[in-house]
Amino acid sequence: MFRGQRGKNVSAVNYCLPVGQWWGILRDPFNMAKTSWREREKRKRKTVNKYAELRAELKKKGDYLALAQLPRNASPVRLSNRCRVSGRKRAFIREFQMSRLTFRELACAGLIPGVTKASW
């Protein structure tokens, strides 16, 4: 065990996993996003998909009053990307679907195939 950044005990992550199983590794459990935030994002995605066709139709017609009557979460602009490992919202790297912190940790451990540390 070692001390986390908030002074709580955190178990060390076992980096001896075969390549390809790194996706399921969780970082410090105290830095995880709240479950309620993740569930809210899921609900938003569901709402966006539900109203996507109707929104496209209304935009094509130019009926902006009807567009304004749709739920706020029906707009795709309200969606945000979250790290698949830690749930972090900021500093998201799209290509790897994770935050920069998680990416750096896993890349330094050699758990992301094809990614090596640059040196010149």
PDB file of N, CA and C in Angstrom:
ATOM      1  N   MET A   1       0.839  -1.184   0.000  1.00  0.00           N
ATOM      2  CA  MET A   1       0.000   0.000   0.000  1.00  0.00           C
ATOM      3  C   MET A   1       0.880   1.242   0.000  1.00  0.00           C
ATOM      4  N   PHE A   2       0.393   2.278  -0.634  1.00  0.00           N
ATOM      5  CA  PHE A   2       1.094   3.541  -0.580  1.00  0.00           C
ATOM      6  C   PHE A   2       0.077   4.655  -0.417  1.00  0.00           C
ATOM      7  N   ARG A   3       0.538   5.815  -0.034  1.00  0.00           N
ATOM      8  CA  ARG A   3      -0.358   6.930   0.248  1.00  0.00           C
ATOM      9  C   ARG A   3      -0.742   7.635  -1.047  1.00  0.00           C
ATOM     10  N   GLY A   4      -2.030   7.864  -1.270  1.00  0.00           N
ATOM     11  CA  GLY A   4      -2.514   8.595  -2.428  1.00  0.00           C
ATOM     12  C   GLY A   4      -2.328  10.084  -2.213  1.00  0.00           C
ATOM     13  N   GLN A   5      -2.721  10.892  -3.196  1.00  0.00           N
ATOM     14  CA  GLN A   5      -2.501  12.321  -3.081  1.00  0.00           C
ATOM     15  C   GLN A   5      -3.364  12.957  -1.989  1.00  0.00           C
ATOM     16  N   ARG A   6      -4.473  12.332  -1.632  1.00  0.00           N
ATOM     17  CA  ARG A   6      -5.323  12.901  -0.595  1.00  0.00           C
ATOM     18  C   ARG A   6      -5.065  12.255   0.767  1.00  0.00           C
ATOM     19  N   GLY A   7      -3.964  11.518   0.894  1.00  0.00           N
ATOM     20  CA  GLY A   7      -3.605  10.936   2.165  1.00  0.00           C
ATOM     21  C   GLY A   7      -4.291   9.616   2.461  1.00  0.00           C
ATOM     22  N   LYS A   8      -5.039   9.066   1.486  1.00  0.00           N
ATOM     23  CA  LYS A   8      -5.733   7.808   1.705  1.00  0.00           C
ATOM     24  C   LYS A   8      -4.872   6.668   1.182  1.00  0.00           C
ATOM     25  N   ASN A   9      -5.014   5.505   1.778  1.00  0.00           N
ATOM     26  CA  ASN A   9      -4.248   4.354   1.327  1.00  0.00           C
ATOM     27  C   ASN A   9      -4.795   3.838   0.003  1.00  0.00           C
ATOM     28  N   VAL A  10      -3.892   3.567  -0.925  1.00  0.00           N
ATOM     29  CA  VAL A  10      -4.268   3.112  -2.259  1.00  0.00           C
ATOM     30  C   VAL A  10      -3.403   1.902  -2.581  1.00  0.00           C
ATOM     31  N   SER A  11      -4.009   0.870  -3.141  1.00  0.00           N
ATOM     32  CA  SER A  11      -3.206  -0.297  -3.500  1.00  0.00           C
ATOM     33  C   SER A  11      -2.458  -0.017  -4.798  1.00  0.00           C
ATOM     34  N   ALA A  12      -1.254  -0.531  -4.908  1.00  0.00           N
ATOM     35  CA  ALA A  12      -0.438  -0.335  -6.107  1.00  0.00           C
ATOM     36  C   ALA A  12      -1.045  -1.116  -7.265  1.00  0.00           C
ATOM     37  N   VAL A  13      -0.967  -0.560  -8.467  1.00  0.00           N
ATOM     38  CA  VAL A  13      -1.522  -1.207  -9.657  1.00  0.00           C
ATOM     39  C   VAL A  13      -0.520  -2.233 -10.164  1.00  0.00           C
ATOM     40  N   ASN A  14      -0.998  -3.426 -10.493  1.00  0.00           N
ATOM     41  CA  ASN A  14      -0.130  -4.475 -11.010  1.00  0.00           C
ATOM     42  C   ASN A  14       0.037  -4.267 -12.513  1.00  0.00           C
ATOM     43  N   TYR A  15       1.232  -3.906 -12.954  1.00  0.00           N
ATOM     44  CA  TYR A  15       1.471  -3.616 -14.361  1.00  0.00           C
ATOM     45  C   TYR A  15       1.925  -4.845 -15.147  1.00  0.00           C
ATOM     46  N   CYS A  16       1.863  -6.029 -14.553  1.00  0.00           N
ATOM     47  CA  CYS A  16       2.331  -7.241 -15.221  1.00  0.00           C
ATOM     48  C   CYS A  16       1.208  -7.907 -16.001  1.00  0.00           C
ATOM     49  N   LEU A  17       0.338  -7.133 -16.608  1.00  0.00           N
ATOM     50  CA  LEU A  17      -0.761  -7.691 -17.390  1.00  0.00           C
ATOM     51  C   LEU A  17      -0.335  -7.867 -18.834  1.00  0.00           C
ATOM     52  N   PRO A  18      -0.902  -8.855 -19.530  1.00  0.00           N
ATOM     53  CA  PRO A  18      -0.607  -8.999 -20.955  1.00  0.00           C
ATOM     54  C   PRO A  18      -1.109  -7.782 -21.721  1.00  0.00           C
ATOM     55  N   VAL A  19      -0.443  -7.464 -22.833  1.00  0.00           N
ATOM     56  CA  VAL A  19      -0.850  -6.330 -23.651  1.00  0.00           C
ATOM     57  C   VAL A  19      -2.272  -6.588 -24.127  1.00  0.00           C
ATOM     58  N   GLY A  20      -3.113  -5.584 -24.077  1.00  0.00           N
ATOM     59  CA  GLY A  20      -4.498  -5.722 -24.497  1.00  0.00           C
ATOM     60  C   GLY A  20      -5.449  -5.719 -23.310  1.00  0.00           C
ATOM     61  N   GLN A  21      -4.969  -6.029 -22.105  1.00  0.00           N
ATOM     62  CA  GLN A  21      -5.825  -6.018 -20.931  1.00  0.00           C
ATOM     63  C   GLN A  21      -5.675  -4.733 -20.139  1.00  0.00           C
ATOM     64  N   TRP A  22      -4.932  -3.763 -20.657  1.00  0.00           N
ATOM     65  CA  TRP A  22      -4.681  -2.519 -19.951  1.00  0.00           C
ATOM     66  C   TRP A  22      -5.945  -1.690 -19.817  1.00  0.00           C
ATOM     67  N   TRP A  23      -6.949  -1.912 -20.679  1.00  0.00           N
ATOM     68  CA  TRP A  23      -8.149  -1.070 -20.691  1.00  0.00           C
ATOM     69  C   TRP A  23      -8.892  -1.141 -19.368  1.00  0.00           C
ATOM     70  N   GLY A  24      -8.850  -2.307 -18.724  1.00  0.00           N
ATOM     71  CA  GLY A  24      -9.609  -2.473 -17.494  1.00  0.00           C
ATOM     72  C   GLY A  24      -8.901  -1.967 -16.253  1.00  0.00           C
ATOM     73  N   ILE A  25      -7.673  -1.492 -16.393  1.00  0.00           N
ATOM     74  CA  ILE A  25      -6.928  -1.035 -15.221  1.00  0.00           C
ATOM     75  C   ILE A  25      -7.516   0.282 -14.730  1.00  0.00           C
ATOM     76  N   LEU A  26      -7.750   0.341 -13.455  1.00  0.00           N
ATOM     77  CA  LEU A  26      -8.251   1.576 -12.880  1.00  0.00           C
ATOM     78  C   LEU A  26      -7.118   2.264 -12.147  1.00  0.00           C
ATOM     79  N   ARG A  27      -7.067   3.561 -12.302  1.00  0.00           N
ATOM     80  CA  ARG A  27      -6.044   4.327 -11.592  1.00  0.00           C
ATOM     81  C   ARG A  27      -6.423   4.395 -10.118  1.00  0.00           C
ATOM     82  N   ASP A  28      -5.993   5.396  -9.452  1.00  0.00           N
ATOM     83  CA  ASP A  28      -6.309   5.630  -8.056  1.00  0.00           C
ATOM     84  C   ASP A  28      -7.831   5.697  -7.902  1.00  0.00           C
ATOM     85  N   PRO A  29      -8.432   4.816  -7.102  1.00  0.00           N
ATOM     86  CA  PRO A  29      -9.894   4.813  -7.001  1.00  0.00           C
ATOM     87  C   PRO A  29     -10.465   6.091  -6.407  1.00  0.00           C
ATOM     88  N   PHE A  30      -9.642   6.894  -5.746  1.00  0.00           N
ATOM     89  CA  PHE A  30     -10.143   8.137  -5.166  1.00  0.00           C
ATOM     90  C   PHE A  30     -10.170   9.264  -6.196  1.00  0.00           C
ATOM     91  N   ASN A  31      -9.589   9.048  -7.375  1.00  0.00           N
ATOM     92  CA  ASN A  31      -9.618  10.050  -8.434  1.00  0.00           C
ATOM     93  C   ASN A  31     -10.657   9.714  -9.493  1.00  0.00           C
ATOM     94  N   MET A  32     -11.449   8.696  -9.255  1.00  0.00           N
ATOM     95  CA  MET A  32     -12.467   8.294 -10.217  1.00  0.00           C
ATOM     96  C   MET A  32     -13.599   9.317 -10.256  1.00  0.00           C
ATOM     97  N   ALA A  33     -14.221   9.442 -11.427  1.00  0.00           N
ATOM     98  CA  ALA A  33     -15.375  10.325 -11.531  1.00  0.00           C
ATOM     99  C   ALA A  33     -16.549   9.682 -10.790  1.00  0.00           C
ATOM    100  N   LYS A  34     -17.438  10.506 -10.296  1.00  0.00           N
ATOM    101  CA  LYS A  34     -18.598   9.981  -9.596  1.00  0.00           C
ATOM    102  C   LYS A  34     -19.456   9.177 -10.563  1.00  0.00           C
ATOM    103  N   THR A  35     -20.071   8.142 -10.056  1.00  0.00           N
ATOM    104  CA  THR A  35     -20.943   7.302 -10.881  1.00  0.00           C
ATOM    105  C   THR A  35     -22.105   8.118 -11.420  1.00  0.00           C
ATOM    106  N   SER A  36     -22.603   9.061 -10.637  1.00  0.00           N
ATOM    107  CA  SER A  36     -23.736   9.874 -11.071  1.00  0.00           C
ATOM    108  C   SER A  36     -23.378  10.701 -12.301  1.00  0.00           C
ATOM    109  N   TRP A  37     -22.109  11.170 -12.382  1.00  0.00           N
ATOM    110  CA  TRP A  37     -21.686  11.941 -13.562  1.00  0.00           C
ATOM    111  C   TRP A  37     -21.665  11.053 -14.793  1.00  0.00           C
ATOM    112  N   ARG A  38     -21.153   9.848 -14.627  1.00  0.00           N
ATOM    113  CA  ARG A  38     -21.098   8.913 -15.760  1.00  0.00           C
ATOM    114  C   ARG A  38     -22.501   8.564 -16.244  1.00  0.00           C
ATOM    115  N   GLU A  39     -23.402   8.314 -15.300  1.00  0.00           N
ATOM    116  CA  GLU A  39     -24.781   7.967 -15.657  1.00  0.00           C
ATOM    117  C   GLU A  39     -25.478   9.141 -16.335  1.00  0.00           C
ATOM    118  N   ARG A  40     -25.188  10.358 -15.903  1.00  0.00           N
ATOM    119  CA  ARG A  40     -25.781  11.541 -16.525  1.00  0.00           C
ATOM    120  C   ARG A  40     -25.345  11.652 -17.985  1.00  0.00           C
ATOM    121  N   GLU A  41     -24.061  11.369 -18.240  1.00  0.00           N
ATOM    122  CA  GLU A  41     -23.556  11.400 -19.617  1.00  0.00           C
ATOM    123  C   GLU A  41     -24.264  10.351 -20.471  1.00  0.00           C
ATOM    124  N   LYS A  42     -24.501   9.170 -19.909  1.00  0.00           N
ATOM    125  CA  LYS A  42     -25.202   8.106 -20.640  1.00  0.00           C
ATOM    126  C   LYS A  42     -26.617   8.558 -21.001  1.00  0.00           C
ATOM    127  N   ARG A  43     -27.302   9.184 -20.032  1.00  0.00           N
ATOM    128  CA  ARG A  43     -28.662   9.661 -20.292  1.00  0.00           C
ATOM    129  C   ARG A  43     -28.664  10.736 -21.374  1.00  0.00           C
ATOM    130  N   LYS A  44     -27.653  11.628 -21.336  1.00  0.00           N
ATOM    131  CA  LYS A  44     -27.568  12.675 -22.359  1.00  0.00           C
ATOM    132  C   LYS A  44     -27.399  12.063 -23.741  1.00  0.00           C
ATOM    133  N   ARG A  45     -26.511  11.064 -23.855  1.00  0.00           N
ATOM    134  CA  ARG A  45     -26.291  10.408 -25.153  1.00  0.00           C
ATOM    135  C   ARG A  45     -27.573   9.768 -25.666  1.00  0.00           C
ATOM    136  N   LYS A  46     -28.323   9.167 -24.758  1.00  0.00           N
ATOM    137  CA  LYS A  46     -29.592   8.529 -25.119  1.00  0.00           C
ATOM    138  C   LYS A  46     -30.581   9.570 -25.652  1.00  0.00           C
ATOM    139  N   THR A  47     -30.656  10.718 -24.964  1.00  0.00           N
ATOM    140  CA  THR A  47     -31.573  11.792 -25.361  1.00  0.00           C
ATOM    141  C   THR A  47     -31.166  12.372 -26.710  1.00  0.00           C
ATOM    142  N   VAL A  48     -29.871  12.573 -26.924  1.00  0.00           N
ATOM    143  CA  VAL A  48     -29.387  13.112 -28.198  1.00  0.00           C
ATOM    144  C   VAL A  48     -29.776  12.170 -29.329  1.00  0.00           C
ATOM    145  N   ASN A  49     -29.571  10.873 -29.133  1.00  0.00           N
ATOM    146  CA  ASN A  49     -29.923   9.891 -30.173  1.00  0.00           C
ATOM    147  C   ASN A  49     -31.426   9.862 -30.433  1.00  0.00           C
ATOM    148  N   LYS A  50     -32.205  10.022 -29.373  1.00  0.00           N
ATOM    149  CA  LYS A  50     -33.667   9.989 -29.496  1.00  0.00           C
ATOM    150  C   LYS A  50     -34.188  11.142 -30.361  1.00  0.00           C
ATOM    151  N   TYR A  51     -33.618  12.332 -30.175  1.00  0.00           N
ATOM    152  CA  TYR A  51     -34.115  13.525 -30.868  1.00  0.00           C
ATOM    153  C   TYR A  51     -33.295  13.912 -32.107  1.00  0.00           C
ATOM    154  N   ALA A  52     -32.309  13.119 -32.477  1.00  0.00           N
ATOM    155  CA  ALA A  52     -31.414  13.493 -33.580  1.00  0.00           C
ATOM    156  C   ALA A  52     -32.173  13.699 -34.891  1.00  0.00           C
ATOM    157  N   GLU A  53     -33.048  12.766 -35.211  1.00  0.00           N
ATOM    158  CA  GLU A  53     -33.801  12.851 -36.466  1.00  0.00           C
ATOM    159  C   GLU A  53     -34.717  14.081 -36.480  1.00  0.00           C
ATOM    160  N   LEU A  54     -35.431  14.287 -35.397  1.00  0.00           N
ATOM    161  CA  LEU A  54     -36.350  15.424 -35.290  1.00  0.00           C
ATOM    162  C   LEU A  54     -35.591  16.747 -35.363  1.00  0.00           C
ATOM    163  N   ARG A  55     -34.445  16.829 -34.677  1.00  0.00           N
ATOM    164  CA  ARG A  55     -33.636  18.056 -34.715  1.00  0.00           C
ATOM    165  C   ARG A  55     -33.178  18.365 -36.136  1.00  0.00           C
ATOM    166  N   ALA A  56     -32.724  17.331 -36.855  1.00  0.00           N
ATOM    167  CA  ALA A  56     -32.258  17.527 -38.233  1.00  0.00           C
ATOM    168  C   ALA A  56     -33.398  18.035 -39.119  1.00  0.00           C
ATOM    169  N   GLU A  57     -34.573  17.474 -38.906  1.00  0.00           N
ATOM    170  CA  GLU A  57     -35.756  17.880 -39.684  1.00  0.00           C
ATOM    171  C   GLU A  57     -36.106  19.352 -39.413  1.00  0.00           C
ATOM    172  N   LEU A  58     -36.155  19.717 -38.134  1.00  0.00           N
ATOM    173  CA  LEU A  58     -36.504  21.087 -37.762  1.00  0.00           C
ATOM    174  C   LEU A  58     -35.462  22.090 -38.246  1.00  0.00           C
ATOM    175  N   LYS A  59     -34.188  21.698 -38.191  1.00  0.00           N
ATOM    176  CA  LYS A  59     -33.138  22.589 -38.683  1.00  0.00           C
ATOM    177  C   LYS A  59     -33.265  22.799 -40.183  1.00  0.00           C
ATOM    178  N   LYS A  60     -33.596  21.713 -40.885  1.00  0.00           N
ATOM    179  CA  LYS A  60     -33.744  21.796 -42.340  1.00  0.00           C
ATOM    180  C   LYS A  60     -34.877  22.755 -42.713  1.00  0.00           C
ATOM    181  N   LYS A  61     -35.977  22.694 -41.937  1.00  0.00           N
ATOM    182  CA  LYS A  61     -37.125  23.578 -42.173  1.00  0.00           C
ATOM    183  C   LYS A  61     -36.830  25.012 -41.720  1.00  0.00           C
ATOM    184  N   GLY A  62     -35.912  25.154 -40.793  1.00  0.00           N
ATOM    185  CA  GLY A  62     -35.608  26.482 -40.242  1.00  0.00           C
ATOM    186  C   GLY A  62     -36.571  26.861 -39.128  1.00  0.00           C
ATOM    187  N   ASP A  63     -37.212  25.878 -38.516  1.00  0.00           N
ATOM    188  CA  ASP A  63     -38.175  26.111 -37.449  1.00  0.00           C
ATOM    189  C   ASP A  63     -37.446  26.165 -36.101  1.00  0.00           C
ATOM    190  N   TYR A  64     -36.893  27.336 -35.799  1.00  0.00           N
ATOM    191  CA  TYR A  64     -36.079  27.465 -34.599  1.00  0.00           C
ATOM    192  C   TYR A  64     -36.914  27.586 -33.329  1.00  0.00           C
ATOM    193  N   LEU A  65     -38.172  27.968 -33.448  1.00  0.00           N
ATOM    194  CA  LEU A  65     -39.053  28.005 -32.273  1.00  0.00           C
ATOM    195  C   LEU A  65     -39.332  26.588 -31.783  1.00  0.00           C
ATOM    196  N   ALA A  66     -39.583  25.683 -32.708  1.00  0.00           N
ATOM    197  CA  ALA A  66     -39.821  24.290 -32.331  1.00  0.00           C
ATOM    198  C   ALA A  66     -38.541  23.654 -31.790  1.00  0.00           C
ATOM    199  N   LEU A  67     -37.401  24.054 -32.361  1.00  0.00           N
ATOM    200  CA  LEU A  67     -36.110  23.540 -31.863  1.00  0.00           C
ATOM    201  C   LEU A  67     -35.899  23.949 -30.411  1.00  0.00           C
ATOM    202  N   ALA A  68     -36.307  25.177 -30.085  1.00  0.00           N
ATOM    203  CA  ALA A  68     -36.133  25.679 -28.727  1.00  0.00           C
ATOM    204  C   ALA A  68     -37.021  24.941 -27.727  1.00  0.00           C
ATOM    205  N   GLN A  69     -38.101  24.320 -28.219  1.00  0.00           N
ATOM    206  CA  GLN A  69     -39.015  23.589 -27.342  1.00  0.00           C
ATOM    207  C   GLN A  69     -38.496  22.200 -26.982  1.00  0.00           C
ATOM    208  N   LEU A  70     -37.494  21.710 -27.705  1.00  0.00           N
ATOM    209  CA  LEU A  70     -36.923  20.393 -27.408  1.00  0.00           C
ATOM    210  C   LEU A  70     -36.147  20.459 -26.088  1.00  0.00           C
ATOM    211  N   PRO A  71     -35.943  19.326 -25.440  1.00  0.00           N
ATOM    212  CA  PRO A  71     -35.159  19.336 -24.195  1.00  0.00           C
ATOM    213  C   PRO A  71     -33.741  19.839 -24.426  1.00  0.00           C
ATOM    214  N   ARG A  72     -33.164  20.455 -23.424  1.00  0.00           N
ATOM    215  CA  ARG A  72     -31.805  20.976 -23.559  1.00  0.00           C
ATOM    216  C   ARG A  72     -30.812  19.877 -23.892  1.00  0.00           C
ATOM    217  N   ASN A  73     -30.957  18.732 -23.236  1.00  0.00           N
ATOM    218  CA  ASN A  73     -30.007  17.648 -23.434  1.00  0.00           C
ATOM    219  C   ASN A  73     -30.170  16.946 -24.778  1.00  0.00           C
ATOM    220  N   ALA A  74     -31.090  17.410 -25.616  1.00  0.00           N
ATOM    221  CA  ALA A  74     -31.249  16.854 -26.952  1.00  0.00           C
ATOM    222  C   ALA A  74     -30.192  17.418 -27.899  1.00  0.00           C
ATOM    223  N   SER A  75     -29.501  18.457 -27.459  1.00  0.00           N
ATOM    224  CA  SER A  75     -28.469  19.071 -28.288  1.00  0.00           C
ATOM    225  C   SER A  75     -27.140  18.324 -28.119  1.00  0.00           C
ATOM    226  N   PRO A  76     -26.507  17.922 -29.228  1.00  0.00           N
ATOM    227  CA  PRO A  76     -25.234  17.189 -29.125  1.00  0.00           C
ATOM    228  C   PRO A  76     -24.100  18.024 -28.534  1.00  0.00           C
ATOM    229  N   VAL A  77     -24.269  19.330 -28.497  1.00  0.00           N
ATOM    230  CA  VAL A  77     -23.234  20.206 -27.944  1.00  0.00           C
ATOM    231  C   VAL A  77     -23.071  19.969 -26.434  1.00  0.00           C
ATOM    232  N   ARG A  78     -24.109  19.482 -25.798  1.00  0.00           N
ATOM    233  CA  ARG A  78     -24.073  19.284 -24.348  1.00  0.00           C
ATOM    234  C   ARG A  78     -23.363  17.999 -23.932  1.00  0.00           C
ATOM    235  N   LEU A  79     -22.982  17.179 -24.897  1.00  0.00           N
ATOM    236  CA  LEU A  79     -22.239  15.955 -24.591  1.00  0.00           C
ATOM    237  C   LEU A  79     -20.778  16.295 -24.338  1.00  0.00           C
ATOM    238  N   SER A  80     -20.130  15.508 -23.505  1.00  0.00           N
ATOM    239  CA  SER A  80     -18.699  15.689 -23.288  1.00  0.00           C
ATOM    240  C   SER A  80     -18.031  14.326 -23.263  1.00  0.00           C
ATOM    241  N   ASN A  81     -16.781  14.291 -23.687  1.00  0.00           N
ATOM    242  CA  ASN A  81     -16.029  13.042 -23.688  1.00  0.00           C
ATOM    243  C   ASN A  81     -15.464  12.794 -22.302  1.00  0.00           C
ATOM    244  N   ARG A  82     -15.483  11.543 -21.879  1.00  0.00           N
ATOM    245  CA  ARG A  82     -14.915  11.168 -20.595  1.00  0.00           C
ATOM    246  C   ARG A  82     -13.938  10.030 -20.774  1.00  0.00           C
ATOM    247  N   CYS A  83     -12.902  10.030 -19.952  1.00  0.00           N
ATOM    248  CA  CYS A  83     -11.898   8.968 -19.967  1.00  0.00           C
ATOM    249  C   CYS A  83     -12.577   7.650 -19.618  1.00  0.00           C
ATOM    250  N   ARG A  84     -12.286   6.609 -20.410  1.00  0.00           N
ATOM    251  CA  ARG A  84     -12.899   5.306 -20.164  1.00  0.00           C
ATOM    252  C   ARG A  84     -12.356   4.639 -18.904  1.00  0.00           C
ATOM    253  N   VAL A  85     -11.184   5.041 -18.483  1.00  0.00           N
ATOM    254  CA  VAL A  85     -10.555   4.409 -17.323  1.00  0.00           C
ATOM    255  C   VAL A  85     -10.882   5.161 -16.043  1.00  0.00           C
ATOM    256  N   SER A  86     -10.621   6.462 -16.031  1.00  0.00           N
ATOM    257  CA  SER A  86     -10.792   7.230 -14.793  1.00  0.00           C
ATOM    258  C   SER A  86     -12.078   8.045 -14.767  1.00  0.00           C
ATOM    259  N   GLY A  87     -12.695   8.281 -15.915  1.00  0.00           N
ATOM    260  CA  GLY A  87     -13.904   9.092 -15.954  1.00  0.00           C
ATOM    261  C   GLY A  87     -13.632  10.578 -16.003  1.00  0.00           C
ATOM    262  N   ARG A  88     -12.360  10.972 -16.112  1.00  0.00           N
ATOM    263  CA  ARG A  88     -11.982  12.381 -16.130  1.00  0.00           C
ATOM    264  C   ARG A  88     -12.514  13.048 -17.396  1.00  0.00           C
ATOM    265  N   LYS A  89     -12.958  14.276 -17.262  1.00  0.00           N
ATOM    266  CA  LYS A  89     -13.571  15.010 -18.360  1.00  0.00           C
ATOM    267  C   LYS A  89     -12.558  15.874 -19.116  1.00  0.00           C
ATOM    268  N   ARG A  90     -11.587  16.407 -18.398  1.00  0.00           N
ATOM    269  CA  ARG A  90     -10.628  17.330 -19.010  1.00  0.00           C
ATOM    270  C   ARG A  90      -9.435  16.592 -19.595  1.00  0.00           C
ATOM    271  N   ALA A  91      -8.744  17.263 -20.522  1.00  0.00           N
ATOM    272  CA  ALA A  91      -7.516  16.748 -21.138  1.00  0.00           C
ATOM    273  C   ALA A  91      -7.756  15.373 -21.742  1.00  0.00           C
ATOM    274  N   PHE A  92      -8.786  15.261 -22.560  1.00  0.00           N
ATOM    275  CA  PHE A  92      -9.194  13.994 -23.168  1.00  0.00           C
ATOM    276  C   PHE A  92      -8.466  13.783 -24.493  1.00  0.00           C
ATOM    277  N   ILE A  93      -7.878  12.613 -24.695  1.00  0.00           N
ATOM    278  CA  ILE A  93      -7.216  12.273 -25.954  1.00  0.00           C
ATOM    279  C   ILE A  93      -8.164  11.350 -26.723  1.00  0.00           C
ATOM    280  N   ARG A  94      -8.743  11.845 -27.809  1.00  0.00           N
ATOM    281  CA  ARG A  94      -9.761  11.101 -28.540  1.00  0.00           C
ATOM    282  C   ARG A  94      -9.275   9.770 -29.098  1.00  0.00           C
ATOM    283  N   GLU A  95      -8.077   9.769 -29.627  1.00  0.00           N
ATOM    284  CA  GLU A  95      -7.553   8.568 -30.274  1.00  0.00           C
ATOM    285  C   GLU A  95      -7.507   7.376 -29.321  1.00  0.00           C
ATOM    286  N   PHE A  96      -7.270   7.641 -28.054  1.00  0.00           N
ATOM    287  CA  PHE A  96      -7.152   6.565 -27.073  1.00  0.00           C
ATOM    288  C   PHE A  96      -8.330   6.513 -26.102  1.00  0.00           C
ATOM    289  N   GLN A  97      -9.269   7.431 -26.219  1.00  0.00           N
ATOM    290  CA  GLN A  97     -10.452   7.487 -25.368  1.00  0.00           C
ATOM    291  C   GLN A  97     -10.100   7.570 -23.878  1.00  0.00           C
ATOM    292  N   MET A  98      -9.050   8.317 -23.552  1.00  0.00           N
ATOM    293  CA  MET A  98      -8.665   8.471 -22.149  1.00  0.00           C
ATOM    294  C   MET A  98      -8.019   9.822 -21.909  1.00  0.00           C
ATOM    295  N   SER A  99      -7.910  10.167 -20.637  1.00  0.00           N
ATOM    296  CA  SER A  99      -7.310  11.449 -20.274  1.00  0.00           C
ATOM    297  C   SER A  99      -5.796  11.358 -20.379  1.00  0.00           C
ATOM    298  N   ARG A 100      -5.160  12.508 -20.399  1.00  0.00           N
ATOM    299  CA  ARG A 100      -3.714  12.554 -20.560  1.00  0.00           C
ATOM    300  C   ARG A 100      -3.000  11.883 -19.391  1.00  0.00           C
ATOM    301  N   LEU A 101      -3.575  11.989 -18.198  1.00  0.00           N
ATOM    302  CA  LEU A 101      -2.943  11.395 -17.022  1.00  0.00           C
ATOM    303  C   LEU A 101      -2.941   9.870 -17.102  1.00  0.00           C
ATOM    304  N   THR A 102      -4.081   9.302 -17.448  1.00  0.00           N
ATOM    305  CA  THR A 102      -4.192   7.851 -17.583  1.00  0.00           C
ATOM    306  C   THR A 102      -3.320   7.375 -18.728  1.00  0.00           C
ATOM    307  N   PHE A 103      -3.341   8.123 -19.835  1.00  0.00           N
ATOM    308  CA  PHE A 103      -2.542   7.751 -21.002  1.00  0.00           C
ATOM    309  C   PHE A 103      -1.065   7.703 -20.646  1.00  0.00           C
ATOM    310  N   ARG A 104      -0.582   8.732 -19.958  1.00  0.00           N
ATOM    311  CA  ARG A 104       0.835   8.790 -19.608  1.00  0.00           C
ATOM    312  C   ARG A 104       1.215   7.640 -18.682  1.00  0.00           C
ATOM    313  N   GLU A 105       0.357   7.361 -17.714  1.00  0.00           N
ATOM    314  CA  GLU A 105       0.631   6.292 -16.761  1.00  0.00           C
ATOM    315  C   GLU A 105       0.732   4.937 -17.471  1.00  0.00           C
ATOM    316  N   LEU A 106      -0.222   4.661 -18.357  1.00  0.00           N
ATOM    317  CA  LEU A 106      -0.239   3.371 -19.055  1.00  0.00           C
ATOM    318  C   LEU A 106       0.854   3.284 -20.115  1.00  0.00           C
ATOM    319  N   ALA A 107       1.146   4.407 -20.777  1.00  0.00           N
ATOM    320  CA  ALA A 107       2.192   4.413 -21.805  1.00  0.00           C
ATOM    321  C   ALA A 107       3.565   4.198 -21.180  1.00  0.00           C
ATOM    322  N   CYS A 108       3.815   4.833 -20.047  1.00  0.00           N
ATOM    323  CA  CYS A 108       5.105   4.661 -19.366  1.00  0.00           C
ATOM    324  C   CYS A 108       5.277   3.236 -18.870  1.00  0.00           C
ATOM    325  N   ALA A 109       4.175   2.581 -18.548  1.00  0.00           N
ATOM    326  CA  ALA A 109       4.232   1.196 -18.090  1.00  0.00           C
ATOM    327  C   ALA A 109       4.329   0.233 -19.270  1.00  0.00           C
ATOM    328  N   GLY A 110       4.215   0.765 -20.507  1.00  0.00           N
ATOM    329  CA  GLY A 110       4.313  -0.068 -21.701  1.00  0.00           C
ATOM    330  C   GLY A 110       3.073  -0.901 -21.957  1.00  0.00           C
ATOM    331  N   LEU A 111       1.916  -0.436 -21.487  1.00  0.00           N
ATOM    332  CA  LEU A 111       0.684  -1.206 -21.619  1.00  0.00           C
ATOM    333  C   LEU A 111      -0.173  -0.802 -22.806  1.00  0.00           C
ATOM    334  N   ILE A 112       0.247   0.216 -23.557  1.00  0.00           N
ATOM    335  CA  ILE A 112      -0.502   0.617 -24.749  1.00  0.00           C
ATOM    336  C   ILE A 112       0.309   0.188 -25.959  1.00  0.00           C
ATOM    337  N   PRO A 113      -0.203  -0.741 -26.770  1.00  0.00           N
ATOM    338  CA  PRO A 113       0.547  -1.244 -27.914  1.00  0.00           C
ATOM    339  C   PRO A 113       0.862  -0.146 -28.922  1.00  0.00           C
ATOM    340  N   GLY A 114       2.108  -0.101 -29.384  1.00  0.00           N
ATOM    341  CA  GLY A 114       2.516   0.850 -30.396  1.00  0.00           C
ATOM    342  C   GLY A 114       2.924   2.210 -29.871  1.00  0.00           C
ATOM    343  N   VAL A 115       2.827   2.437 -28.589  1.00  0.00           N
ATOM    344  CA  VAL A 115       3.185   3.731 -28.009  1.00  0.00           C
ATOM    345  C   VAL A 115       4.486   3.586 -27.236  1.00  0.00           C
ATOM    346  N   THR A 116       5.472   4.390 -27.612  1.00  0.00           N
ATOM    347  CA  THR A 116       6.732   4.393 -26.897  1.00  0.00           C
ATOM    348  C   THR A 116       7.104   5.819 -26.533  1.00  0.00           C
ATOM    349  N   LYS A 117       7.924   5.963 -25.541  1.00  0.00           N
ATOM    350  CA  LYS A 117       8.353   7.291 -25.131  1.00  0.00           C
ATOM    351  C   LYS A 117       9.369   7.809 -26.143  1.00  0.00           C
ATOM    352  N   ALA A 118       9.179   9.026 -26.572  1.00  0.00           N
ATOM    353  CA  ALA A 118      10.073   9.615 -27.557  1.00  0.00           C
ATOM    354  C   ALA A 118      11.360  10.067 -26.889  1.00  0.00           C
ATOM    355  N   SER A 119      12.475   9.848 -27.575  1.00  0.00           N
ATOM    356  CA  SER A 119      13.756  10.371 -27.098  1.00  0.00           C
ATOM    357  C   SER A 119      14.612  10.689 -28.302  1.00  0.00           C
ATOM    358  N   TRP A 120      15.243  11.829 -28.296  1.00  0.00           N
ATOM    359  CA  TRP A 120      16.105  12.226 -29.415  1.00  0.00           C
ATOM    360  C   TRP A 120      17.267  13.048 -28.933  1.00  0.00           C
TER     361      TRP A 120
END
